[in-house]
Amino acid sequence: MPINPDAVGSTSEPHEHSWTSKDALIYALGVGAGAVDPLTELGFTTENTADTAQKVLPTMAVVLGVGGFGAMANIGSFNPAMLVHGEQAIELFGPIPVEGTVSTVGEIVGIYDKGKGALIVTESLSTDVATGEKLFTNRSSAFIRGEGGFGGDRGVSGPQNVPPAREADRTLTFQTRSDQALIYRLSGDRNPLHSDPAFAAMGGFDRPILHGLCTYGFTGRALLHALCEGDPARFRSMEGRFSSPVFPGEALTINIWVDGDAAVFQTTGGDGRVVLDAGRCTFA
């Protein structure tokens, strides 16, 4: 069946997802932690350093809240090779525990006809099963190429979170590895678009691309260090739009413009093209 716009408002069943200290370490390595300045990231990449208690990168919320995407089952059938991640936003209500269990409920909040494709927007809330407290929210949009033209609302368009016309206040460059996607996929996203050359070719790519959420995690690390001195308790929210695929092995440069307790940012690839746009982060 084609995309079903009547799926807006449908929700997923509550989904529990547990993680351990090891999962947090694997996620940190998957988004490059420790590669630039290990001394500042031992708290994210080790659990047994005498002077450093283990911490969790805030962007791990994107893999811990996976149950919220269960509502996508209501939108109809489509070719998964034609799906690309459009936008991602997280909001945190405090540091993510080193281990625990969350219960996540997701909702389809928008289905938009973009002509060349359909844009599906989901939101989810994850609560700590042990305490009942809210831990984080995820808001995500997925663009499905070739599924537009069904006569639906086009939704909001136009520039958002535009950087000011001046040099960035802070700039950090991180190098991804040629096998970065193979490490990141260990955190749960086994989409063959990021590992299987034949499947990537079906989507129009000459080789597997990096997970958009891996680029998101590299960017989140830059924001955490540039704005929060590496302290997850100060990290409040992050949002951005994926504007170009990234290939494993590329360098990622994050440009940050600060305005009080918020900042806008852009991430560029090795050739200077913008790969994560319309970025905004809030912090304490």
C-alpha atoms as a PDB file:
ATOM      1  CA  MET A   1       0.000   0.000   0.000  1.00  0.00           C
ATOM      2  CA  PRO A   2       1.182   3.614  -0.542  1.00  0.00           C
ATOM      3  CA  ILE A   3       1.985   6.079   2.232  1.00  0.00           C
ATOM      4  CA  ASN A   4      -1.032   6.465   4.517  1.00  0.00           C
ATOM      5  CA  PRO A   5      -1.455  10.095   5.688  1.00  0.00           C
ATOM      6  CA  ASP A   6      -4.168   8.989   8.112  1.00  0.00           C
ATOM      7  CA  ALA A   7      -1.433   7.441  10.263  1.00  0.00           C
ATOM      8  CA  VAL A   8      -0.799  10.851  11.868  1.00  0.00           C
ATOM      9  CA  GLY A   9      -1.585  10.599  15.581  1.00  0.00           C
ATOM     10  CA  SER A  10      -0.958   6.862  15.807  1.00  0.00           C
ATOM     11  CA  THR A  11       1.331   5.735  18.611  1.00  0.00           C
ATOM     12  CA  SER A  12       3.590   2.805  19.328  1.00  0.00           C
ATOM     13  CA  GLU A  13       3.187   0.378  22.162  1.00  0.00           C
ATOM     14  CA  PRO A  14       5.521   1.120  25.098  1.00  0.00           C
ATOM     15  CA  HIS A  15       8.897  -0.413  24.324  1.00  0.00           C
ATOM     16  CA  GLU A  16      11.520  -1.169  26.966  1.00  0.00           C
ATOM     17  CA  HIS A  17      15.180  -0.936  26.083  1.00  0.00           C
ATOM     18  CA  SER A  18      18.019  -1.754  28.482  1.00  0.00           C
ATOM     19  CA  TRP A  19      21.689  -0.922  28.244  1.00  0.00           C
ATOM     20  CA  THR A  20      24.861  -1.570  30.206  1.00  0.00           C
ATOM     21  CA  SER A  21      28.160   0.158  30.815  1.00  0.00           C
ATOM     22  CA  LYS A  22      29.591  -1.776  27.848  1.00  0.00           C
ATOM     23  CA  ASP A  23      26.881  -0.444  25.516  1.00  0.00           C
ATOM     24  CA  ALA A  24      27.722   3.130  26.527  1.00  0.00           C
ATOM     25  CA  LEU A  25      31.415   2.500  25.827  1.00  0.00           C
ATOM     26  CA  ILE A  26      30.674   1.000  22.394  1.00  0.00           C
ATOM     27  CA  TYR A  27      28.469   3.956  21.488  1.00  0.00           C
ATOM     28  CA  ALA A  28      31.200   6.418  22.500  1.00  0.00           C
ATOM     29  CA  LEU A  29      33.754   4.606  20.330  1.00  0.00           C
ATOM     30  CA  GLY A  30      31.225   4.482  17.489  1.00  0.00           C
ATOM     31  CA  VAL A  31      31.080   8.284  17.382  1.00  0.00           C
ATOM     32  CA  GLY A  32      34.853   8.684  17.650  1.00  0.00           C
ATOM     33  CA  ALA A  33      35.304   9.424  21.346  1.00  0.00           C
ATOM     34  CA  GLY A  34      38.917   9.266  22.480  1.00  0.00           C
ATOM     35  CA  ALA A  35      40.373   9.742  19.008  1.00  0.00           C
ATOM     36  CA  VAL A  36      41.230  13.441  19.347  1.00  0.00           C
ATOM     37  CA  ASP A  37      42.103  13.985  23.003  1.00  0.00           C
ATOM     38  CA  PRO A  38      41.758  10.771  24.993  1.00  0.00           C
ATOM     39  CA  LEU A  39      42.502  12.506  28.294  1.00  0.00           C
ATOM     40  CA  THR A  40      39.253  14.482  28.092  1.00  0.00           C
ATOM     41  CA  GLU A  41      37.151  11.499  26.994  1.00  0.00           C
ATOM     42  CA  LEU A  42      38.308   8.681  29.238  1.00  0.00           C
ATOM     43  CA  GLY A  43      35.067   9.122  31.176  1.00  0.00           C
ATOM     44  CA  PHE A  44      33.132   8.089  28.080  1.00  0.00           C
ATOM     45  CA  THR A  45      35.449   5.346  26.826  1.00  0.00           C
ATOM     46  CA  THR A  46      36.507   3.579  30.052  1.00  0.00           C
ATOM     47  CA  GLU A  47      34.815   2.394  33.244  1.00  0.00           C
ATOM     48  CA  ASN A  48      37.813   1.664  35.475  1.00  0.00           C
ATOM     49  CA  THR A  49      39.997   4.772  35.485  1.00  0.00           C
ATOM     50  CA  ALA A  50      40.837   5.752  39.067  1.00  0.00           C
ATOM     51  CA  ASP A  51      40.164   9.476  38.738  1.00  0.00           C
ATOM     52  CA  THR A  52      37.335   9.407  36.174  1.00  0.00           C
ATOM     53  CA  ALA A  53      33.831   8.036  36.709  1.00  0.00           C
ATOM     54  CA  GLN A  54      32.147   6.682  33.589  1.00  0.00           C
ATOM     55  CA  LYS A  55      29.765   9.059  31.804  1.00  0.00           C
ATOM     56  CA  VAL A  56      27.400   8.736  28.849  1.00  0.00           C
ATOM     57  CA  LEU A  57      27.439  10.951  25.767  1.00  0.00           C
ATOM     58  CA  PRO A  58      24.125  12.874  25.551  1.00  0.00           C
ATOM     59  CA  THR A  59      23.568  11.870  21.933  1.00  0.00           C
ATOM     60  CA  MET A  60      23.261   8.227  22.985  1.00  0.00           C
ATOM     61  CA  ALA A  61      19.599   9.172  23.496  1.00  0.00           C
ATOM     62  CA  VAL A  62      19.101   8.532  19.770  1.00  0.00           C
ATOM     63  CA  VAL A  63      19.883   4.821  20.104  1.00  0.00           C
ATOM     64  CA  LEU A  64      18.281   4.268  23.497  1.00  0.00           C
ATOM     65  CA  GLY A  65      14.931   5.687  22.334  1.00  0.00           C
ATOM     66  CA  VAL A  66      14.591   3.309  19.371  1.00  0.00           C
ATOM     67  CA  GLY A  67      11.242   1.899  20.532  1.00  0.00           C
ATOM     68  CA  GLY A  68       9.490   5.093  19.524  1.00  0.00           C
ATOM     69  CA  PHE A  69       9.902   4.274  15.855  1.00  0.00           C
ATOM     70  CA  GLY A  70       7.443   1.389  16.177  1.00  0.00           C
ATOM     71  CA  ALA A  71       4.711   3.785  15.077  1.00  0.00           C
ATOM     72  CA  MET A  72       6.327   3.839  11.599  1.00  0.00           C
ATOM     73  CA  ALA A  73       4.632   0.481  10.965  1.00  0.00           C
ATOM     74  CA  ASN A  74       1.373   2.391  10.464  1.00  0.00           C
ATOM     75  CA  ILE A  75       2.485   4.575   7.538  1.00  0.00           C
ATOM     76  CA  GLY A  76       2.262   1.945   4.769  1.00  0.00           C
ATOM     77  CA  SER A  77       4.837   0.061   2.707  1.00  0.00           C
ATOM     78  CA  PHE A  78       7.912   1.516   1.005  1.00  0.00           C
ATOM     79  CA  ASN A  79      11.371   0.537  -0.244  1.00  0.00           C
ATOM     80  CA  PRO A  80      13.699   0.893   2.771  1.00  0.00           C
ATOM     81  CA  ALA A  81      16.620   1.641   0.438  1.00  0.00           C
ATOM     82  CA  MET A  82      14.849   4.901  -0.474  1.00  0.00           C
ATOM     83  CA  LEU A  83      14.597   6.156   3.115  1.00  0.00           C
ATOM     84  CA  VAL A  84      17.047   8.792   4.335  1.00  0.00           C
ATOM     85  CA  HIS A  85      17.173  10.479   7.704  1.00  0.00           C
ATOM     86  CA  GLY A  86      16.008  14.085   7.381  1.00  0.00           C
ATOM     87  CA  GLU A  87      16.215  15.759  10.799  1.00  0.00           C
ATOM     88  CA  GLN A  88      16.954  14.740  14.380  1.00  0.00           C
ATOM     89  CA  ALA A  89      16.358  16.515  17.674  1.00  0.00           C
ATOM     90  CA  ILE A  90      16.895  15.436  21.267  1.00  0.00           C
ATOM     91  CA  GLU A  91      16.026  17.034  24.590  1.00  0.00           C
ATOM     92  CA  LEU A  92      17.531  15.757  27.826  1.00  0.00           C
ATOM     93  CA  PHE A  93      16.175  16.205  31.332  1.00  0.00           C
ATOM     94  CA  GLY A  94      19.453  15.210  32.986  1.00  0.00           C
ATOM     95  CA  PRO A  95      22.492  12.985  32.386  1.00  0.00           C
ATOM     96  CA  ILE A  96      21.807   9.544  30.930  1.00  0.00           C
ATOM     97  CA  PRO A  97      22.682   6.805  33.473  1.00  0.00           C
ATOM     98  CA  VAL A  98      25.603   4.502  32.707  1.00  0.00           C
ATOM     99  CA  GLU A  99      23.171   1.577  32.748  1.00  0.00           C
ATOM    100  CA  GLY A 100      19.429   1.252  33.002  1.00  0.00           C
ATOM    101  CA  THR A 101      16.138   0.636  31.235  1.00  0.00           C
ATOM    102  CA  VAL A 102      13.846   3.118  29.510  1.00  0.00           C
ATOM    103  CA  SER A 103      10.265   2.769  28.365  1.00  0.00           C
ATOM    104  CA  THR A 104       9.607   4.654  25.139  1.00  0.00           C
ATOM    105  CA  VAL A 105       6.353   5.595  23.426  1.00  0.00           C
ATOM    106  CA  GLY A 106       6.467   7.144  19.962  1.00  0.00           C
ATOM    107  CA  GLU A 107       3.898   8.997  17.886  1.00  0.00           C
ATOM    108  CA  ILE A 108       3.575   9.908  14.207  1.00  0.00           C
ATOM    109  CA  VAL A 109       3.129  13.688  14.425  1.00  0.00           C
ATOM    110  CA  GLY A 110       3.309  14.590  10.740  1.00  0.00           C
ATOM    111  CA  ILE A 111       3.242  13.137   7.203  1.00  0.00           C
ATOM    112  CA  TYR A 112       4.056  15.669   4.508  1.00  0.00           C
ATOM    113  CA  ASP A 113       3.989  15.520   0.709  1.00  0.00           C
ATOM    114  CA  LYS A 114       7.250  16.991  -0.564  1.00  0.00           C
ATOM    115  CA  GLY A 115       6.574  16.126  -4.191  1.00  0.00           C
ATOM    116  CA  LYS A 116       9.638  13.977  -4.818  1.00  0.00           C
ATOM    117  CA  GLY A 117       9.119  12.124  -1.570  1.00  0.00           C
ATOM    118  CA  ALA A 118       7.187  11.816   1.684  1.00  0.00           C
ATOM    119  CA  LEU A 119       8.420  13.324   4.973  1.00  0.00           C
ATOM    120  CA  ILE A 120       7.466  11.372   8.099  1.00  0.00           C
ATOM    121  CA  VAL A 121       7.918  13.086  11.490  1.00  0.00           C
ATOM    122  CA  THR A 122       7.922  11.121  14.749  1.00  0.00           C
ATOM    123  CA  GLU A 123       8.276  12.130  18.395  1.00  0.00           C
ATOM    124  CA  SER A 124       8.982   9.905  21.369  1.00  0.00           C
ATOM    125  CA  LEU A 125       9.354  10.197  25.130  1.00  0.00           C
ATOM    126  CA  SER A 126      11.618   7.864  27.105  1.00  0.00           C
ATOM    127  CA  THR A 127      11.183   7.425  30.853  1.00  0.00           C
ATOM    128  CA  ASP A 128      13.409   5.661  33.366  1.00  0.00           C
ATOM    129  CA  VAL A 129      11.662   2.410  34.313  1.00  0.00           C
ATOM    130  CA  ALA A 130      13.325   2.362  37.752  1.00  0.00           C
ATOM    131  CA  THR A 131      12.303   5.896  38.773  1.00  0.00           C
ATOM    132  CA  GLY A 132       9.453   6.841  36.448  1.00  0.00           C
ATOM    133  CA  GLU A 133      11.266  10.082  35.603  1.00  0.00           C
ATOM    134  CA  LYS A 134      11.539  11.510  32.106  1.00  0.00           C
ATOM    135  CA  LEU A 135      15.037  11.004  30.683  1.00  0.00           C
ATOM    136  CA  PHE A 136      14.878  12.361  27.130  1.00  0.00           C
ATOM    137  CA  THR A 137      12.779  12.959  24.033  1.00  0.00           C
ATOM    138  CA  ASN A 138      13.559  12.295  20.382  1.00  0.00           C
ATOM    139  CA  ARG A 139      12.062  14.038  17.360  1.00  0.00           C
ATOM    140  CA  SER A 140      12.975  12.610  13.989  1.00  0.00           C
ATOM    141  CA  SER A 141      12.005  13.081  10.363  1.00  0.00           C
ATOM    142  CA  ALA A 142      12.547  10.543   7.589  1.00  0.00           C
ATOM    143  CA  PHE A 143      12.417  11.392   3.890  1.00  0.00           C
ATOM    144  CA  ILE A 144      11.254   8.531   1.684  1.00  0.00           C
ATOM    145  CA  ARG A 145      12.248   9.177  -1.907  1.00  0.00           C
ATOM    146  CA  GLY A 146       9.657   8.424  -4.566  1.00  0.00           C
ATOM    147  CA  GLU A 147       6.699   8.329  -2.151  1.00  0.00           C
ATOM    148  CA  GLY A 148       5.440  11.897  -2.645  1.00  0.00           C
ATOM    149  CA  GLY A 149       2.647  13.119  -4.861  1.00  0.00           C
ATOM    150  CA  PHE A 150      -0.219  11.809  -2.716  1.00  0.00           C
ATOM    151  CA  GLY A 151      -1.760  15.288  -2.384  1.00  0.00           C
ATOM    152  CA  GLY A 152      -0.928  15.925   1.261  1.00  0.00           C
ATOM    153  CA  ASP A 153       0.189  19.044   3.136  1.00  0.00           C
ATOM    154  CA  ARG A 154       3.732  20.123   2.201  1.00  0.00           C
ATOM    155  CA  GLY A 155       4.517  21.242   5.750  1.00  0.00           C
ATOM    156  CA  VAL A 156       6.798  24.024   6.888  1.00  0.00           C
ATOM    157  CA  SER A 157       9.772  24.901   4.702  1.00  0.00           C
ATOM    158  CA  GLY A 158      12.449  27.564   4.568  1.00  0.00           C
ATOM    159  CA  PRO A 159      15.711  28.317   6.411  1.00  0.00           C
ATOM    160  CA  GLN A 160      16.002  27.583  10.129  1.00  0.00           C
ATOM    161  CA  ASN A 161      18.766  28.236  12.667  1.00  0.00           C
ATOM    162  CA  VAL A 162      20.768  30.279  10.172  1.00  0.00           C
ATOM    163  CA  PRO A 163      24.321  31.113  11.344  1.00  0.00           C
ATOM    164  CA  PRO A 164      25.149  34.829  11.715  1.00  0.00           C
ATOM    165  CA  ALA A 165      27.235  36.542   9.049  1.00  0.00           C
ATOM    166  CA  ARG A 166      30.540  36.311  10.944  1.00  0.00           C
ATOM    167  CA  GLU A 167      33.263  33.833  11.678  1.00  0.00           C
ATOM    168  CA  ALA A 168      32.311  30.952  13.928  1.00  0.00           C
ATOM    169  CA  ASP A 169      33.103  31.414  17.621  1.00  0.00           C
ATOM    170  CA  ARG A 170      34.463  27.889  17.872  1.00  0.00           C
ATOM    171  CA  THR A 171      35.527  25.321  15.300  1.00  0.00           C
ATOM    172  CA  LEU A 172      36.484  21.689  15.879  1.00  0.00           C
ATOM    173  CA  THR A 173      37.502  19.067  13.318  1.00  0.00           C
ATOM    174  CA  PHE A 174      37.184  15.339  13.955  1.00  0.00           C
ATOM    175  CA  GLN A 175      38.457  12.597  11.643  1.00  0.00           C
ATOM    176  CA  THR A 176      36.167   9.633  11.029  1.00  0.00           C
ATOM    177  CA  ARG A 177      37.646   6.189  10.389  1.00  0.00           C
ATOM    178  CA  SER A 178      37.272   4.190   7.176  1.00  0.00           C
ATOM    179  CA  ASP A 179      35.490   1.544   9.266  1.00  0.00           C
ATOM    180  CA  GLN A 180      33.488   4.044  11.342  1.00  0.00           C
ATOM    181  CA  ALA A 181      30.103   2.757  10.152  1.00  0.00           C
ATOM    182  CA  LEU A 182      31.064  -0.814  11.083  1.00  0.00           C
ATOM    183  CA  ILE A 183      31.793   0.324  14.636  1.00  0.00           C
ATOM    184  CA  TYR A 184      28.718   2.546  14.926  1.00  0.00           C
ATOM    185  CA  ARG A 185      26.353  -0.209  13.735  1.00  0.00           C
ATOM    186  CA  LEU A 186      27.230  -2.196  16.889  1.00  0.00           C
ATOM    187  CA  SER A 187      24.982   0.245  18.766  1.00  0.00           C
ATOM    188  CA  GLY A 188      21.949  -1.192  16.981  1.00  0.00           C
ATOM    189  CA  ASP A 189      21.435   0.320  13.522  1.00  0.00           C
ATOM    190  CA  ARG A 190      22.157  -2.643  11.222  1.00  0.00           C
ATOM    191  CA  ASN A 191      20.754  -0.974   8.079  1.00  0.00           C
ATOM    192  CA  PRO A 192      22.823  -2.506   5.226  1.00  0.00           C
ATOM    193  CA  LEU A 193      22.957   0.917   3.572  1.00  0.00           C
ATOM    194  CA  HIS A 194      25.933   1.498   5.871  1.00  0.00           C
ATOM    195  CA  SER A 195      27.734  -1.813   5.362  1.00  0.00           C
ATOM    196  CA  ASP A 196      26.650  -3.606   2.156  1.00  0.00           C
ATOM    197  CA  PRO A 197      27.953  -2.126  -1.135  1.00  0.00           C
ATOM    198  CA  ALA A 198      25.213  -3.829  -3.178  1.00  0.00           C
ATOM    199  CA  PHE A 199      22.454  -2.445  -0.974  1.00  0.00           C
ATOM    200  CA  ALA A 200      24.051   1.014  -1.023  1.00  0.00           C
ATOM    201  CA  ALA A 201      24.055   0.865  -4.826  1.00  0.00           C
ATOM    202  CA  MET A 202      20.288   0.258  -4.763  1.00  0.00           C
ATOM    203  CA  GLY A 203      19.969   3.587  -2.957  1.00  0.00           C
ATOM    204  CA  GLY A 204      22.138   5.372  -5.546  1.00  0.00           C
ATOM    205  CA  PHE A 205      25.440   5.395  -3.638  1.00  0.00           C
ATOM    206  CA  ASP A 206      28.697   4.021  -5.005  1.00  0.00           C
ATOM    207  CA  ARG A 207      29.638   2.693  -1.576  1.00  0.00           C
ATOM    208  CA  PRO A 208      28.109   2.451   1.930  1.00  0.00           C
ATOM    209  CA  ILE A 209      27.551   5.780   3.641  1.00  0.00           C
ATOM    210  CA  LEU A 210      28.037   6.731   7.281  1.00  0.00           C
ATOM    211  CA  HIS A 211      24.963   6.674   9.499  1.00  0.00           C
ATOM    212  CA  GLY A 212      23.494  10.148   9.774  1.00  0.00           C
ATOM    213  CA  LEU A 213      23.234   9.585  13.512  1.00  0.00           C
ATOM    214  CA  CYS A 214      26.956   8.831  13.621  1.00  0.00           C
ATOM    215  CA  THR A 215      27.630  12.262  12.106  1.00  0.00           C
ATOM    216  CA  TYR A 216      25.144  13.589  14.673  1.00  0.00           C
ATOM    217  CA  GLY A 217      27.127  11.924  17.461  1.00  0.00           C
ATOM    218  CA  PHE A 218      30.451  13.359  16.262  1.00  0.00           C
ATOM    219  CA  THR A 219      28.796  16.784  16.165  1.00  0.00           C
ATOM    220  CA  GLY A 220      27.312  16.296  19.631  1.00  0.00           C
ATOM    221  CA  ARG A 221      30.765  15.526  21.006  1.00  0.00           C
ATOM    222  CA  ALA A 222      32.068  18.793  19.564  1.00  0.00           C
ATOM    223  CA  LEU A 223      29.189  20.735  21.108  1.00  0.00           C
ATOM    224  CA  LEU A 224      29.639  18.987  24.463  1.00  0.00           C
ATOM    225  CA  HIS A 225      33.314  19.961  24.654  1.00  0.00           C
ATOM    226  CA  ALA A 226      32.998  23.431  23.136  1.00  0.00           C
ATOM    227  CA  LEU A 227      29.946  24.536  25.141  1.00  0.00           C
ATOM    228  CA  CYS A 228      29.734  22.331  28.247  1.00  0.00           C
ATOM    229  CA  GLU A 229      33.391  21.588  29.095  1.00  0.00           C
ATOM    230  CA  GLY A 230      32.622  17.909  28.550  1.00  0.00           C
ATOM    231  CA  ASP A 231      29.925  17.806  31.263  1.00  0.00           C
ATOM    232  CA  PRO A 232      26.764  15.935  30.099  1.00  0.00           C
ATOM    233  CA  ALA A 233      24.749  17.503  32.942  1.00  0.00           C
ATOM    234  CA  ARG A 234      25.011  20.871  31.153  1.00  0.00           C
ATOM    235  CA  PHE A 235      23.826  19.570  27.766  1.00  0.00           C
ATOM    236  CA  ARG A 236      20.118  20.343  27.246  1.00  0.00           C
ATOM    237  CA  SER A 237      19.091  19.871  23.612  1.00  0.00           C
ATOM    238  CA  MET A 238      20.353  19.475  20.066  1.00  0.00           C
ATOM    239  CA  GLU A 239      18.677  19.569  16.676  1.00  0.00           C
ATOM    240  CA  GLY A 240      19.862  19.496  13.078  1.00  0.00           C
ATOM    241  CA  ARG A 241      19.010  18.598   9.484  1.00  0.00           C
ATOM    242  CA  PHE A 242      21.006  16.069   7.448  1.00  0.00           C
ATOM    243  CA  SER A 243      21.809  17.818   4.181  1.00  0.00           C
ATOM    244  CA  SER A 244      24.407  15.574   2.505  1.00  0.00           C
ATOM    245  CA  PRO A 245      25.647  11.995   2.937  1.00  0.00           C
ATOM    246  CA  VAL A 246      28.985  11.403   4.668  1.00  0.00           C
ATOM    247  CA  PHE A 247      31.360   8.609   3.684  1.00  0.00           C
ATOM    248  CA  PRO A 248      33.446   6.785   6.294  1.00  0.00           C
ATOM    249  CA  GLY A 249      36.959   8.219   6.421  1.00  0.00           C
ATOM    250  CA  GLU A 250      35.914  11.841   5.889  1.00  0.00           C
ATOM    251  CA  ALA A 251      36.901  14.616   8.258  1.00  0.00           C
ATOM    252  CA  LEU A 252      34.014  16.464   9.905  1.00  0.00           C
ATOM    253  CA  THR A 253      34.349  20.137  10.848  1.00  0.00           C
ATOM    254  CA  ILE A 254      31.860  21.618  13.293  1.00  0.00           C
ATOM    255  CA  ASN A 255      31.427  25.415  13.264  1.00  0.00           C
ATOM    256  CA  ILE A 256      29.662  26.893  16.291  1.00  0.00           C
ATOM    257  CA  TRP A 257      28.161  30.351  16.836  1.00  0.00           C
ATOM    258  CA  VAL A 258      27.300  31.036  20.498  1.00  0.00           C
ATOM    259  CA  ASP A 259      24.457  33.245  21.735  1.00  0.00           C
ATOM    260  CA  GLY A 260      24.061  33.083  25.517  1.00  0.00           C
ATOM    261  CA  ASP A 261      22.911  29.630  26.576  1.00  0.00           C
ATOM    262  CA  ALA A 262      22.224  28.552  22.984  1.00  0.00           C
ATOM    263  CA  ALA A 263      24.293  28.085  19.864  1.00  0.00           C
ATOM    264  CA  VAL A 264      23.724  27.420  16.184  1.00  0.00           C
ATOM    265  CA  PHE A 265      26.069  25.138  14.295  1.00  0.00           C
ATOM    266  CA  GLN A 266      26.930  23.588  10.933  1.00  0.00           C
ATOM    267  CA  THR A 267      28.932  20.453  10.227  1.00  0.00           C
ATOM    268  CA  THR A 268      30.864  20.209   6.970  1.00  0.00           C
ATOM    269  CA  GLY A 269      32.507  17.256   5.236  1.00  0.00           C
ATOM    270  CA  GLY A 270      36.044  16.930   3.970  1.00  0.00           C
ATOM    271  CA  ASP A 271      35.377  18.970   0.831  1.00  0.00           C
ATOM    272  CA  GLY A 272      33.619  21.779   2.705  1.00  0.00           C
ATOM    273  CA  ARG A 273      30.029  20.855   1.792  1.00  0.00           C
ATOM    274  CA  VAL A 274      27.472  21.182   4.595  1.00  0.00           C
ATOM    275  CA  VAL A 275      26.401  17.750   5.846  1.00  0.00           C
ATOM    276  CA  LEU A 276      24.461  18.726   9.000  1.00  0.00           C
ATOM    277  CA  ASP A 277      22.624  22.022   8.759  1.00  0.00           C
ATOM    278  CA  ALA A 278      20.081  24.144  10.638  1.00  0.00           C
ATOM    279  CA  GLY A 279      21.735  23.097  13.892  1.00  0.00           C
ATOM    280  CA  ARG A 280      20.856  24.446  17.323  1.00  0.00           C
ATOM    281  CA  CYS A 281      22.040  23.398  20.770  1.00  0.00           C
ATOM    282  CA  THR A 282      21.029  24.628  24.231  1.00  0.00           C
ATOM    283  CA  PHE A 283      23.145  24.219  27.343  1.00  0.00           C
ATOM    284  CA  ALA A 284      23.594  25.397  30.929  1.00  0.00           C
END
